Amino acid sequence: MRSGISILFCFVALTFTAVGLDKSADCKTLSYENRNQVDYGPLRMAIVGGTAEDSQRVPIPDVCVGVFTEVDHKLVAVVSTDQRGRFELKGIPEGNYRLVVKYEGFSPANAKVRIEHSRRNKLLTVQMRPTGLDSGSVVIQK
């Protein structure tokens, strides 16, 4: 009986692990999207990092966060937020980029960013808003 429970536990653990891996793999195919009505920025930073949250300030795990080149929108770096909604992308060369943040059911966020390694870093907050509202998701630098 114990071995049956152990096998079942291992199967459930592997299933949850596989689901987590699938979500991370989804982010590797992140596509560029821009629904901004107004293009602000660029936000200047040394490292792209911060938190994704909903309008009630509840952190959102498994959000795809990607950095794209400004000119031709090629994906440079991508990561999925952790269980606390946090993300960090290091090692991006200095220059102008686009930060794109996506999560199913929410409007994507898109912001101009400028990576400057000499700057003191400020964290970002991505406020995800449901799709269909008049206002989209936004990126705020703290």
C-alpha atoms as a PDB file:
ATOM      1  CA  MET A   1       0.000   0.000   0.000  1.00  0.00           C
ATOM      2  CA  ARG A   2       2.799   2.408   0.906  1.00  0.00           C
ATOM      3  CA  SER A   3       4.582   1.795  -2.392  1.00  0.00           C
ATOM      4  CA  GLY A   4       1.329   2.551  -4.240  1.00  0.00           C
ATOM      5  CA  ILE A   5       0.981   5.858  -2.389  1.00  0.00           C
ATOM      6  CA  SER A   6       4.633   6.673  -3.070  1.00  0.00           C
ATOM      7  CA  ILE A   7       4.188   5.964  -6.776  1.00  0.00           C
ATOM      8  CA  LEU A   8       1.041   8.108  -6.861  1.00  0.00           C
ATOM      9  CA  PHE A   9       2.851  10.957  -5.056  1.00  0.00           C
ATOM     10  CA  CYS A  10       5.767  10.766  -7.518  1.00  0.00           C
ATOM     11  CA  PHE A  11       3.356  10.802 -10.458  1.00  0.00           C
ATOM     12  CA  VAL A  12       1.524  13.869  -9.099  1.00  0.00           C
ATOM     13  CA  ALA A  13       4.839  15.648  -8.390  1.00  0.00           C
ATOM     14  CA  LEU A  14       6.110  14.907 -11.901  1.00  0.00           C
ATOM     15  CA  THR A  15       2.835  16.121 -13.398  1.00  0.00           C
ATOM     16  CA  PHE A  16       3.091  19.455 -11.576  1.00  0.00           C
ATOM     17  CA  THR A  17       6.743  19.744 -12.574  1.00  0.00           C
ATOM     18  CA  ALA A  18       5.862  19.074 -16.215  1.00  0.00           C
ATOM     19  CA  VAL A  19       3.133  21.705 -16.098  1.00  0.00           C
ATOM     20  CA  GLY A  20       5.656  24.224 -14.753  1.00  0.00           C
ATOM     21  CA  LEU A  21       8.107  23.314 -17.491  1.00  0.00           C
ATOM     22  CA  ASP A  22       5.447  23.717 -20.159  1.00  0.00           C
ATOM     23  CA  LYS A  23       4.695  27.243 -18.939  1.00  0.00           C
ATOM     24  CA  SER A  24       8.364  28.156 -19.108  1.00  0.00           C
ATOM     25  CA  ALA A  25       8.606  26.672 -22.594  1.00  0.00           C
ATOM     26  CA  ASP A  26       5.625  28.823 -23.661  1.00  0.00           C
ATOM     27  CA  CYS A  27       7.631  31.926 -22.826  1.00  0.00           C
ATOM     28  CA  LYS A  28      10.426  30.927 -25.209  1.00  0.00           C
ATOM     29  CA  THR A  29       7.970  31.475 -28.079  1.00  0.00           C
ATOM     30  CA  LEU A  30       6.846  34.873 -26.790  1.00  0.00           C
ATOM     31  CA  SER A  31       5.861  37.137 -29.672  1.00  0.00           C
ATOM     32  CA  TYR A  32       6.132  40.906 -29.937  1.00  0.00           C
ATOM     33  CA  GLU A  33       2.913  42.820 -29.355  1.00  0.00           C
ATOM     34  CA  ASN A  34       2.204  46.515 -28.883  1.00  0.00           C
ATOM     35  CA  ARG A  35      -1.271  47.828 -28.051  1.00  0.00           C
ATOM     36  CA  ASN A  36      -0.048  51.126 -26.595  1.00  0.00           C
ATOM     37  CA  GLN A  37      -2.148  54.157 -27.437  1.00  0.00           C
ATOM     38  CA  VAL A  38       0.688  56.382 -26.223  1.00  0.00           C
ATOM     39  CA  ASP A  39       4.362  55.400 -26.323  1.00  0.00           C
ATOM     40  CA  TYR A  40       6.204  56.714 -23.273  1.00  0.00           C
ATOM     41  CA  GLY A  41       9.751  56.221 -22.110  1.00  0.00           C
ATOM     42  CA  PRO A  42      12.279  54.938 -22.444  1.00  0.00           C
ATOM     43  CA  LEU A  43      12.564  53.595 -18.918  1.00  0.00           C
ATOM     44  CA  ARG A  44      16.293  53.624 -18.088  1.00  0.00           C
ATOM     45  CA  MET A  45      17.783  50.749 -16.102  1.00  0.00           C
ATOM     46  CA  ALA A  46      20.827  48.529 -15.661  1.00  0.00           C
ATOM     47  CA  ILE A  47      18.926  45.240 -15.236  1.00  0.00           C
ATOM     48  CA  VAL A  48      15.352  44.475 -16.268  1.00  0.00           C
ATOM     49  CA  GLY A  49      13.641  43.290 -13.103  1.00  0.00           C
ATOM     50  CA  GLY A  50      10.560  43.783 -10.995  1.00  0.00           C
ATOM     51  CA  THR A  51       7.121  42.333 -10.273  1.00  0.00           C
ATOM     52  CA  ALA A  52       3.991  41.504 -12.275  1.00  0.00           C
ATOM     53  CA  GLU A  53       0.733  42.068 -10.396  1.00  0.00           C
ATOM     54  CA  ASP A  54      -2.970  42.563 -10.995  1.00  0.00           C
ATOM     55  CA  SER A  55      -4.981  45.711 -10.258  1.00  0.00           C
ATOM     56  CA  GLN A  56      -5.397  44.615  -6.624  1.00  0.00           C
ATOM     57  CA  ARG A  57      -1.575  44.392  -6.293  1.00  0.00           C
ATOM     58  CA  VAL A  58      -1.683  40.582  -6.096  1.00  0.00           C
ATOM     59  CA  PRO A  59       1.501  39.104  -7.627  1.00  0.00           C
ATOM     60  CA  ILE A  60       0.945  36.934 -10.717  1.00  0.00           C
ATOM     61  CA  PRO A  61       3.161  33.854 -11.197  1.00  0.00           C
ATOM     62  CA  ASP A  62       4.102  32.401 -14.608  1.00  0.00           C
ATOM     63  CA  VAL A  63       3.813  35.687 -16.525  1.00  0.00           C
ATOM     64  CA  CYS A  64       6.015  35.795 -19.650  1.00  0.00           C
ATOM     65  CA  VAL A  65       8.452  38.717 -19.668  1.00  0.00           C
ATOM     66  CA  GLY A  66      10.543  39.330 -22.775  1.00  0.00           C
ATOM     67  CA  VAL A  67      12.999  41.909 -24.077  1.00  0.00           C
ATOM     68  CA  PHE A  68      12.929  42.594 -27.819  1.00  0.00           C
ATOM     69  CA  THR A  69      15.199  44.698 -30.013  1.00  0.00           C
ATOM     70  CA  GLU A  70      13.697  48.122 -30.694  1.00  0.00           C
ATOM     71  CA  VAL A  71      14.162  48.144 -34.465  1.00  0.00           C
ATOM     72  CA  ASP A  72      13.255  44.673 -35.718  1.00  0.00           C
ATOM     73  CA  HIS A  73      11.524  43.218 -32.619  1.00  0.00           C
ATOM     74  CA  LYS A  74      13.732  40.144 -32.240  1.00  0.00           C
ATOM     75  CA  LEU A  75      13.519  38.365 -28.886  1.00  0.00           C
ATOM     76  CA  VAL A  76      16.742  38.950 -26.900  1.00  0.00           C
ATOM     77  CA  ALA A  77      15.856  37.488 -23.484  1.00  0.00           C
ATOM     78  CA  VAL A  78      12.806  35.914 -21.859  1.00  0.00           C
ATOM     79  CA  VAL A  79      11.818  34.702 -18.410  1.00  0.00           C
ATOM     80  CA  SER A  80       8.709  33.603 -16.533  1.00  0.00           C
ATOM     81  CA  THR A  81       7.779  35.251 -13.227  1.00  0.00           C
ATOM     82  CA  ASP A  82       8.252  33.172 -10.075  1.00  0.00           C
ATOM     83  CA  GLN A  83       5.524  32.325  -7.558  1.00  0.00           C
ATOM     84  CA  ARG A  84       5.790  35.841  -6.089  1.00  0.00           C
ATOM     85  CA  GLY A  85       5.405  37.450  -9.531  1.00  0.00           C
ATOM     86  CA  ARG A  86       9.080  38.502  -9.601  1.00  0.00           C
ATOM     87  CA  PHE A  87      11.320  38.513 -12.655  1.00  0.00           C
ATOM     88  CA  GLU A  88      14.863  39.496 -13.570  1.00  0.00           C
ATOM     89  CA  LEU A  89      16.719  39.536 -16.882  1.00  0.00           C
ATOM     90  CA  LYS A  90      20.485  40.101 -16.624  1.00  0.00           C
ATOM     91  CA  GLY A  91      23.226  40.295 -19.206  1.00  0.00           C
ATOM     92  CA  ILE A  92      21.395  42.349 -21.808  1.00  0.00           C
ATOM     93  CA  PRO A  93      23.827  44.595 -23.733  1.00  0.00           C
ATOM     94  CA  GLU A  94      23.388  48.361 -23.471  1.00  0.00           C
ATOM     95  CA  GLY A  95      20.940  49.832 -25.937  1.00  0.00           C
ATOM     96  CA  ASN A  96      17.280  50.482 -26.727  1.00  0.00           C
ATOM     97  CA  TYR A  97      14.758  47.668 -26.385  1.00  0.00           C
ATOM     98  CA  ARG A  98      11.077  46.864 -25.893  1.00  0.00           C
ATOM     99  CA  LEU A  99       9.821  45.081 -22.802  1.00  0.00           C
ATOM    100  CA  VAL A 100       6.781  42.907 -23.548  1.00  0.00           C
ATOM    101  CA  VAL A 101       4.829  41.245 -20.731  1.00  0.00           C
ATOM    102  CA  LYS A 102       2.042  38.744 -21.474  1.00  0.00           C
ATOM    103  CA  TYR A 103      -0.340  36.564 -19.499  1.00  0.00           C
ATOM    104  CA  GLU A 104      -3.491  34.882 -20.750  1.00  0.00           C
ATOM    105  CA  GLY A 105      -6.654  36.853 -19.978  1.00  0.00           C
ATOM    106  CA  PHE A 106      -4.736  40.107 -19.513  1.00  0.00           C
ATOM    107  CA  SER A 107      -3.826  42.842 -21.955  1.00  0.00           C
ATOM    108  CA  PRO A 108      -0.106  42.682 -22.850  1.00  0.00           C
ATOM    109  CA  ALA A 109       2.195  45.409 -21.559  1.00  0.00           C
ATOM    110  CA  ASN A 110       4.779  47.019 -23.836  1.00  0.00           C
ATOM    111  CA  ALA A 111       7.342  49.620 -22.764  1.00  0.00           C
ATOM    112  CA  LYS A 112      10.432  51.225 -24.274  1.00  0.00           C
ATOM    113  CA  VAL A 113      13.503  50.496 -22.154  1.00  0.00           C
ATOM    114  CA  ARG A 114      17.087  51.675 -22.360  1.00  0.00           C
ATOM    115  CA  ILE A 115      19.734  49.457 -20.785  1.00  0.00           C
ATOM    116  CA  GLU A 116      22.578  51.521 -19.288  1.00  0.00           C
ATOM    117  CA  HIS A 117      24.903  49.443 -17.106  1.00  0.00           C
ATOM    118  CA  SER A 118      26.293  52.542 -15.387  1.00  0.00           C
ATOM    119  CA  ARG A 119      22.868  53.428 -13.933  1.00  0.00           C
ATOM    120  CA  ARG A 120      21.660  52.569 -10.480  1.00  0.00           C
ATOM    121  CA  ASN A 121      18.903  50.044 -11.016  1.00  0.00           C
ATOM    122  CA  LYS A 122      15.247  50.749 -10.301  1.00  0.00           C
ATOM    123  CA  LEU A 123      12.718  47.935 -10.210  1.00  0.00           C
ATOM    124  CA  LEU A 124       9.649  47.797 -12.418  1.00  0.00           C
ATOM    125  CA  THR A 125       6.044  47.053 -11.544  1.00  0.00           C
ATOM    126  CA  VAL A 126       3.920  45.641 -14.347  1.00  0.00           C
ATOM    127  CA  GLN A 127       0.242  46.207 -13.603  1.00  0.00           C
ATOM    128  CA  MET A 128      -1.653  43.615 -15.626  1.00  0.00           C
ATOM    129  CA  ARG A 129      -5.185  44.603 -16.577  1.00  0.00           C
ATOM    130  CA  PRO A 130      -7.858  42.299 -18.003  1.00  0.00           C
ATOM    131  CA  THR A 131      -8.261  42.176 -21.774  1.00  0.00           C
ATOM    132  CA  GLY A 132     -11.195  44.203 -23.035  1.00  0.00           C
ATOM    133  CA  LEU A 133     -10.886  47.176 -20.698  1.00  0.00           C
ATOM    134  CA  ASP A 134     -10.364  50.609 -22.185  1.00  0.00           C
ATOM    135  CA  SER A 135      -6.913  50.817 -20.600  1.00  0.00           C
ATOM    136  CA  GLY A 136      -4.171  48.267 -21.147  1.00  0.00           C
ATOM    137  CA  SER A 137      -1.510  46.857 -18.873  1.00  0.00           C
ATOM    138  CA  VAL A 138       1.235  49.289 -17.879  1.00  0.00           C
ATOM    139  CA  VAL A 139       4.888  49.222 -16.803  1.00  0.00           C
ATOM    140  CA  ILE A 140       5.868  51.575 -13.971  1.00  0.00           C
ATOM    141  CA  GLN A 141       9.419  52.261 -12.806  1.00  0.00           C
ATOM    142  CA  LYS A 142       9.778  52.683  -9.027  1.00  0.00           C
END
